[in-house]
Amino acid sequence: MLTVFLFPSYLSLFISIYLTQFISISVPIYLSIYLSIYLSPFLHIYLLISFPSLSIYLSIYLSIYLSIYLSISIFTYLLINLIPFIIYLSIYLSIYLSIYLSISIFHSVLFVAVYLINIVNFKLSIYLSIYLSIYLSIYLSIYHPICDFIRPGEENIVYVDYS
């Protein structure tokens, strides 16, 4: 039972560490992709005016180069200038994500456990009721017949066995 309570906290801690690393590394990449997509039409128009035949290829290559350059430059800028912010953000995100994920994982595990217990109890009660009804019908049909055919001239004597 203790592992049920510890498993969500370990899982949430692992997920929070993973997500903070992913967010701190991927934010510059997402910013660079966004900027490259944003700058790509302007670059395309400029190249279309300047070099009409090579405009598509040059715009694709330059947008890829721009995205790589921007991702590196934004990452280094954030790393150099905003390192305390990144550290605090990662600490805050890890604490928030660990608390949120531990609560949400615990609730989901608890919900699944309660759901499974209810399903198992419901199915068990169905099986027990079917089993008991079959058992009682067989028992009553063998030991206590409901209708005895009365033969004329014979007395119906009921023997009760208390053993």
C-alpha atoms as a PDB file:
ATOM      1  CA  MET A   1       0.000   0.000   0.000  1.00  0.00           C
ATOM      2  CA  LEU A   2       2.952   2.283   0.660  1.00  0.00           C
ATOM      3  CA  THR A   3       4.189   1.839  -2.897  1.00  0.00           C
ATOM      4  CA  VAL A   4       0.847   3.065  -4.211  1.00  0.00           C
ATOM      5  CA  PHE A   5       1.424   6.348  -2.387  1.00  0.00           C
ATOM      6  CA  LEU A   6       5.130   6.594  -3.281  1.00  0.00           C
ATOM      7  CA  PHE A   7       4.789   5.663  -6.954  1.00  0.00           C
ATOM      8  CA  PRO A   8       2.961   8.872  -7.991  1.00  0.00           C
ATOM      9  CA  SER A   9       5.522  11.067  -6.242  1.00  0.00           C
ATOM     10  CA  TYR A  10       8.466   9.308  -7.913  1.00  0.00           C
ATOM     11  CA  LEU A  11       6.729   9.432 -11.264  1.00  0.00           C
ATOM     12  CA  SER A  12       5.805  13.083 -10.858  1.00  0.00           C
ATOM     13  CA  LEU A  13       9.356  13.947  -9.815  1.00  0.00           C
ATOM     14  CA  PHE A  14      10.761  12.171 -12.860  1.00  0.00           C
ATOM     15  CA  ILE A  15       8.257  13.826 -15.198  1.00  0.00           C
ATOM     16  CA  SER A  16       8.845  17.255 -13.666  1.00  0.00           C
ATOM     17  CA  ILE A  17      12.631  16.959 -14.053  1.00  0.00           C
ATOM     18  CA  TYR A  18      12.208  15.772 -17.624  1.00  0.00           C
ATOM     19  CA  LEU A  19       9.756  18.537 -18.485  1.00  0.00           C
ATOM     20  CA  THR A  20      11.869  21.299 -16.943  1.00  0.00           C
ATOM     21  CA  GLN A  21      14.883  20.160 -18.923  1.00  0.00           C
ATOM     22  CA  PHE A  22      12.748  19.846 -22.024  1.00  0.00           C
ATOM     23  CA  ILE A  23      11.212  23.297 -21.527  1.00  0.00           C
ATOM     24  CA  SER A  24      14.488  25.047 -20.753  1.00  0.00           C
ATOM     25  CA  ILE A  25      16.137  23.531 -23.828  1.00  0.00           C
ATOM     26  CA  SER A  26      13.183  23.621 -26.202  1.00  0.00           C
ATOM     27  CA  VAL A  27      12.003  27.192 -25.590  1.00  0.00           C
ATOM     28  CA  PRO A  28      14.821  28.703 -27.684  1.00  0.00           C
ATOM     29  CA  ILE A  29      14.209  26.145 -30.397  1.00  0.00           C
ATOM     30  CA  TYR A  30      10.493  26.923 -30.471  1.00  0.00           C
ATOM     31  CA  LEU A  31      11.231  30.642 -30.502  1.00  0.00           C
ATOM     32  CA  SER A  32      13.640  30.209 -33.367  1.00  0.00           C
ATOM     33  CA  ILE A  33      11.177  28.094 -35.329  1.00  0.00           C
ATOM     34  CA  TYR A  34       8.495  30.689 -34.735  1.00  0.00           C
ATOM     35  CA  LEU A  35      10.800  33.506 -35.784  1.00  0.00           C
ATOM     36  CA  SER A  36      11.969  31.624 -38.842  1.00  0.00           C
ATOM     37  CA  ILE A  37       8.379  30.950 -39.872  1.00  0.00           C
ATOM     38  CA  TYR A  38       7.538  34.574 -39.185  1.00  0.00           C
ATOM     39  CA  LEU A  39      10.557  35.867 -41.113  1.00  0.00           C
ATOM     40  CA  SER A  40      10.264  33.364 -43.940  1.00  0.00           C
ATOM     41  CA  PRO A  41       7.587  35.243 -45.947  1.00  0.00           C
ATOM     42  CA  PHE A  42       9.579  38.478 -45.748  1.00  0.00           C
ATOM     43  CA  LEU A  43      12.688  36.636 -46.777  1.00  0.00           C
ATOM     44  CA  HIS A  44      10.809  34.959 -49.600  1.00  0.00           C
ATOM     45  CA  ILE A  45       9.458  38.270 -50.897  1.00  0.00           C
ATOM     46  CA  TYR A  46      12.901  39.848 -50.721  1.00  0.00           C
ATOM     47  CA  LEU A  47      14.485  36.925 -52.570  1.00  0.00           C
ATOM     48  CA  LEU A  48      11.668  36.846 -55.089  1.00  0.00           C
ATOM     49  CA  ILE A  49      12.402  40.420 -55.991  1.00  0.00           C
ATOM     50  CA  SER A  50      16.171  39.967 -55.961  1.00  0.00           C
ATOM     51  CA  PHE A  51      16.621  36.459 -57.394  1.00  0.00           C
ATOM     52  CA  PRO A  52      13.419  35.235 -59.041  1.00  0.00           C
ATOM     53  CA  SER A  53      14.676  31.855 -60.187  1.00  0.00           C
ATOM     54  CA  LEU A  54      16.324  30.801 -56.938  1.00  0.00           C
ATOM     55  CA  SER A  55      13.866  32.337 -54.534  1.00  0.00           C
ATOM     56  CA  ILE A  56      12.203  29.134 -53.299  1.00  0.00           C
ATOM     57  CA  TYR A  57      15.397  27.196 -52.667  1.00  0.00           C
ATOM     58  CA  LEU A  58      17.179  30.118 -51.124  1.00  0.00           C
ATOM     59  CA  SER A  59      14.267  30.914 -48.865  1.00  0.00           C
ATOM     60  CA  ILE A  60      14.104  27.309 -47.653  1.00  0.00           C
ATOM     61  CA  TYR A  61      17.838  27.130 -47.015  1.00  0.00           C
ATOM     62  CA  LEU A  62      17.957  30.540 -45.428  1.00  0.00           C
ATOM     63  CA  SER A  63      14.993  29.784 -43.189  1.00  0.00           C
ATOM     64  CA  ILE A  64      16.671  26.569 -42.022  1.00  0.00           C
ATOM     65  CA  TYR A  65      19.920  28.441 -41.453  1.00  0.00           C
ATOM     66  CA  LEU A  66      18.047  31.216 -39.690  1.00  0.00           C
ATOM     67  CA  SER A  67      16.236  28.774 -37.438  1.00  0.00           C
ATOM     68  CA  ILE A  68      19.483  27.044 -36.475  1.00  0.00           C
ATOM     69  CA  TYR A  69      21.282  30.340 -35.959  1.00  0.00           C
ATOM     70  CA  LEU A  70      18.418  31.805 -33.964  1.00  0.00           C
ATOM     71  CA  SER A  71      18.094  28.730 -31.805  1.00  0.00           C
ATOM     72  CA  ILE A  72      21.787  28.834 -30.952  1.00  0.00           C
ATOM     73  CA  SER A  73      21.845  32.580 -30.403  1.00  0.00           C
ATOM     74  CA  ILE A  74      18.644  32.649 -28.348  1.00  0.00           C
ATOM     75  CA  PHE A  75      19.826  29.724 -26.281  1.00  0.00           C
ATOM     76  CA  THR A  76      23.177  31.360 -25.569  1.00  0.00           C
ATOM     77  CA  TYR A  77      21.488  34.677 -24.805  1.00  0.00           C
ATOM     78  CA  LEU A  78      19.100  33.023 -22.392  1.00  0.00           C
ATOM     79  CA  LEU A  79      21.901  30.989 -20.913  1.00  0.00           C
ATOM     80  CA  ILE A  80      24.191  33.960 -20.338  1.00  0.00           C
ATOM     81  CA  ASN A  81      21.753  36.695 -19.373  1.00  0.00           C
ATOM     82  CA  LEU A  82      18.878  34.841 -17.815  1.00  0.00           C
ATOM     83  CA  ILE A  83      20.572  32.003 -15.971  1.00  0.00           C
ATOM     84  CA  PRO A  84      19.040  32.924 -12.585  1.00  0.00           C
ATOM     85  CA  PHE A  85      15.670  33.186 -14.252  1.00  0.00           C
ATOM     86  CA  ILE A  86      16.119  29.784 -15.896  1.00  0.00           C
ATOM     87  CA  ILE A  87      17.220  28.266 -12.592  1.00  0.00           C
ATOM     88  CA  TYR A  88      14.280  29.787 -10.723  1.00  0.00           C
ATOM     89  CA  LEU A  89      11.938  28.865 -13.524  1.00  0.00           C
ATOM     90  CA  SER A  90      13.178  25.292 -13.542  1.00  0.00           C
ATOM     91  CA  ILE A  91      12.930  25.070  -9.739  1.00  0.00           C
ATOM     92  CA  TYR A  92       9.452  26.580  -9.783  1.00  0.00           C
ATOM     93  CA  LEU A  93       8.380  24.342 -12.643  1.00  0.00           C
ATOM     94  CA  SER A  94       9.797  21.258 -10.976  1.00  0.00           C
ATOM     95  CA  ILE A  95       8.058  22.054  -7.679  1.00  0.00           C
ATOM     96  CA  TYR A  96       4.799  22.943  -9.380  1.00  0.00           C
ATOM     97  CA  LEU A  97       4.915  19.971 -11.706  1.00  0.00           C
ATOM     98  CA  SER A  98       5.869  17.566  -8.943  1.00  0.00           C
ATOM     99  CA  ILE A  99       2.993  18.742  -6.744  1.00  0.00           C
ATOM    100  CA  TYR A 100       0.512  18.883  -9.608  1.00  0.00           C
ATOM    101  CA  LEU A 101       1.592  15.589 -11.106  1.00  0.00           C
ATOM    102  CA  SER A 102       1.681  13.797  -7.772  1.00  0.00           C
ATOM    103  CA  ILE A 103      -1.853  14.968  -7.013  1.00  0.00           C
ATOM    104  CA  SER A 104      -3.155  14.209 -10.493  1.00  0.00           C
ATOM    105  CA  ILE A 105      -1.404  10.834 -10.714  1.00  0.00           C
ATOM    106  CA  PHE A 106      -2.598   9.938  -7.223  1.00  0.00           C
ATOM    107  CA  HIS A 107      -6.153  10.901  -8.149  1.00  0.00           C
ATOM    108  CA  SER A 108      -5.990   8.961 -11.391  1.00  0.00           C
ATOM    109  CA  VAL A 109      -4.538   5.894  -9.641  1.00  0.00           C
ATOM    110  CA  LEU A 110      -7.166   6.226  -6.939  1.00  0.00           C
ATOM    111  CA  PHE A 111      -9.919   6.641  -9.527  1.00  0.00           C
ATOM    112  CA  VAL A 112      -8.731   3.603 -11.462  1.00  0.00           C
ATOM    113  CA  ALA A 113      -8.459   1.578  -8.245  1.00  0.00           C
ATOM    114  CA  VAL A 114     -11.952   2.570  -7.111  1.00  0.00           C
ATOM    115  CA  TYR A 115     -13.311   1.899 -10.589  1.00  0.00           C
ATOM    116  CA  LEU A 116     -11.666  -1.515 -10.722  1.00  0.00           C
ATOM    117  CA  ILE A 117     -12.838  -2.359  -7.215  1.00  0.00           C
ATOM    118  CA  ASN A 118     -16.387  -1.408  -8.153  1.00  0.00           C
ATOM    119  CA  ILE A 119     -16.231  -3.419 -11.371  1.00  0.00           C
ATOM    120  CA  VAL A 120     -14.724  -6.411  -9.577  1.00  0.00           C
ATOM    121  CA  ASN A 121     -17.283  -6.187  -6.785  1.00  0.00           C
ATOM    122  CA  PHE A 122     -20.117  -5.859  -9.281  1.00  0.00           C
ATOM    123  CA  LYS A 123     -18.916  -8.812 -11.349  1.00  0.00           C
ATOM    124  CA  LEU A 124     -18.210 -10.789  -8.204  1.00  0.00           C
ATOM    125  CA  SER A 125     -21.702 -10.097  -6.904  1.00  0.00           C
ATOM    126  CA  ILE A 126     -23.183 -11.162 -10.246  1.00  0.00           C
ATOM    127  CA  TYR A 127     -21.144 -14.366 -10.267  1.00  0.00           C
ATOM    128  CA  LEU A 128     -21.970 -15.073  -6.631  1.00  0.00           C
ATOM    129  CA  SER A 129     -25.666 -14.507  -7.189  1.00  0.00           C
ATOM    130  CA  ILE A 130     -25.643 -16.795 -10.235  1.00  0.00           C
ATOM    131  CA  TYR A 131     -23.635 -19.413  -8.358  1.00  0.00           C
ATOM    132  CA  LEU A 132     -25.877 -19.213  -5.297  1.00  0.00           C
ATOM    133  CA  SER A 133     -29.044 -19.396  -7.359  1.00  0.00           C
ATOM    134  CA  ILE A 134     -27.766 -22.470  -9.222  1.00  0.00           C
ATOM    135  CA  TYR A 135     -26.568 -24.048  -5.991  1.00  0.00           C
ATOM    136  CA  LEU A 136     -29.844 -23.355  -4.201  1.00  0.00           C
ATOM    137  CA  SER A 137     -31.925 -24.618  -7.108  1.00  0.00           C
ATOM    138  CA  ILE A 138     -29.923 -27.872  -7.239  1.00  0.00           C
ATOM    139  CA  TYR A 139     -29.988 -28.229  -3.459  1.00  0.00           C
ATOM    140  CA  LEU A 140     -33.704 -27.568  -3.216  1.00  0.00           C
ATOM    141  CA  SER A 141     -34.529 -29.830  -6.140  1.00  0.00           C
ATOM    142  CA  ILE A 142     -32.601 -32.742  -4.617  1.00  0.00           C
ATOM    143  CA  TYR A 143     -33.343 -32.467  -0.909  1.00  0.00           C
ATOM    144  CA  HIS A 144     -36.581 -30.554  -0.722  1.00  0.00           C
ATOM    145  CA  PRO A 145     -38.761 -31.168  -3.746  1.00  0.00           C
ATOM    146  CA  ILE A 146     -41.308 -28.479  -4.246  1.00  0.00           C
ATOM    147  CA  CYS A 147     -44.068 -30.695  -5.578  1.00  0.00           C
ATOM    148  CA  ASP A 148     -44.395 -34.318  -4.650  1.00  0.00           C
ATOM    149  CA  PHE A 149     -46.683 -36.327  -6.741  1.00  0.00           C
ATOM    150  CA  ILE A 150     -49.148 -37.788  -4.341  1.00  0.00           C
ATOM    151  CA  ARG A 151     -49.852 -41.374  -5.133  1.00  0.00           C
ATOM    152  CA  PRO A 152     -53.184 -42.614  -4.045  1.00  0.00           C
ATOM    153  CA  GLY A 153     -53.017 -44.826  -1.044  1.00  0.00           C
ATOM    154  CA  GLU A 154     -49.608 -43.709   0.144  1.00  0.00           C
ATOM    155  CA  GLU A 155     -48.957 -41.375   2.960  1.00  0.00           C
ATOM    156  CA  ASN A 156     -46.576 -38.541   2.502  1.00  0.00           C
ATOM    157  CA  ILE A 157     -44.160 -38.642   5.336  1.00  0.00           C
ATOM    158  CA  VAL A 158     -41.562 -35.954   5.583  1.00  0.00           C
ATOM    159  CA  TYR A 159     -38.374 -36.929   7.310  1.00  0.00           C
ATOM    160  CA  VAL A 160     -36.249 -34.128   8.613  1.00  0.00           C
ATOM    161  CA  ASP A 161     -32.560 -34.789   8.866  1.00  0.00           C
ATOM    162  CA  TYR A 162     -30.822 -32.511  11.370  1.00  0.00           C
ATOM    163  CA  SER A 163     -27.301 -33.708  10.700  1.00  0.00           C
END
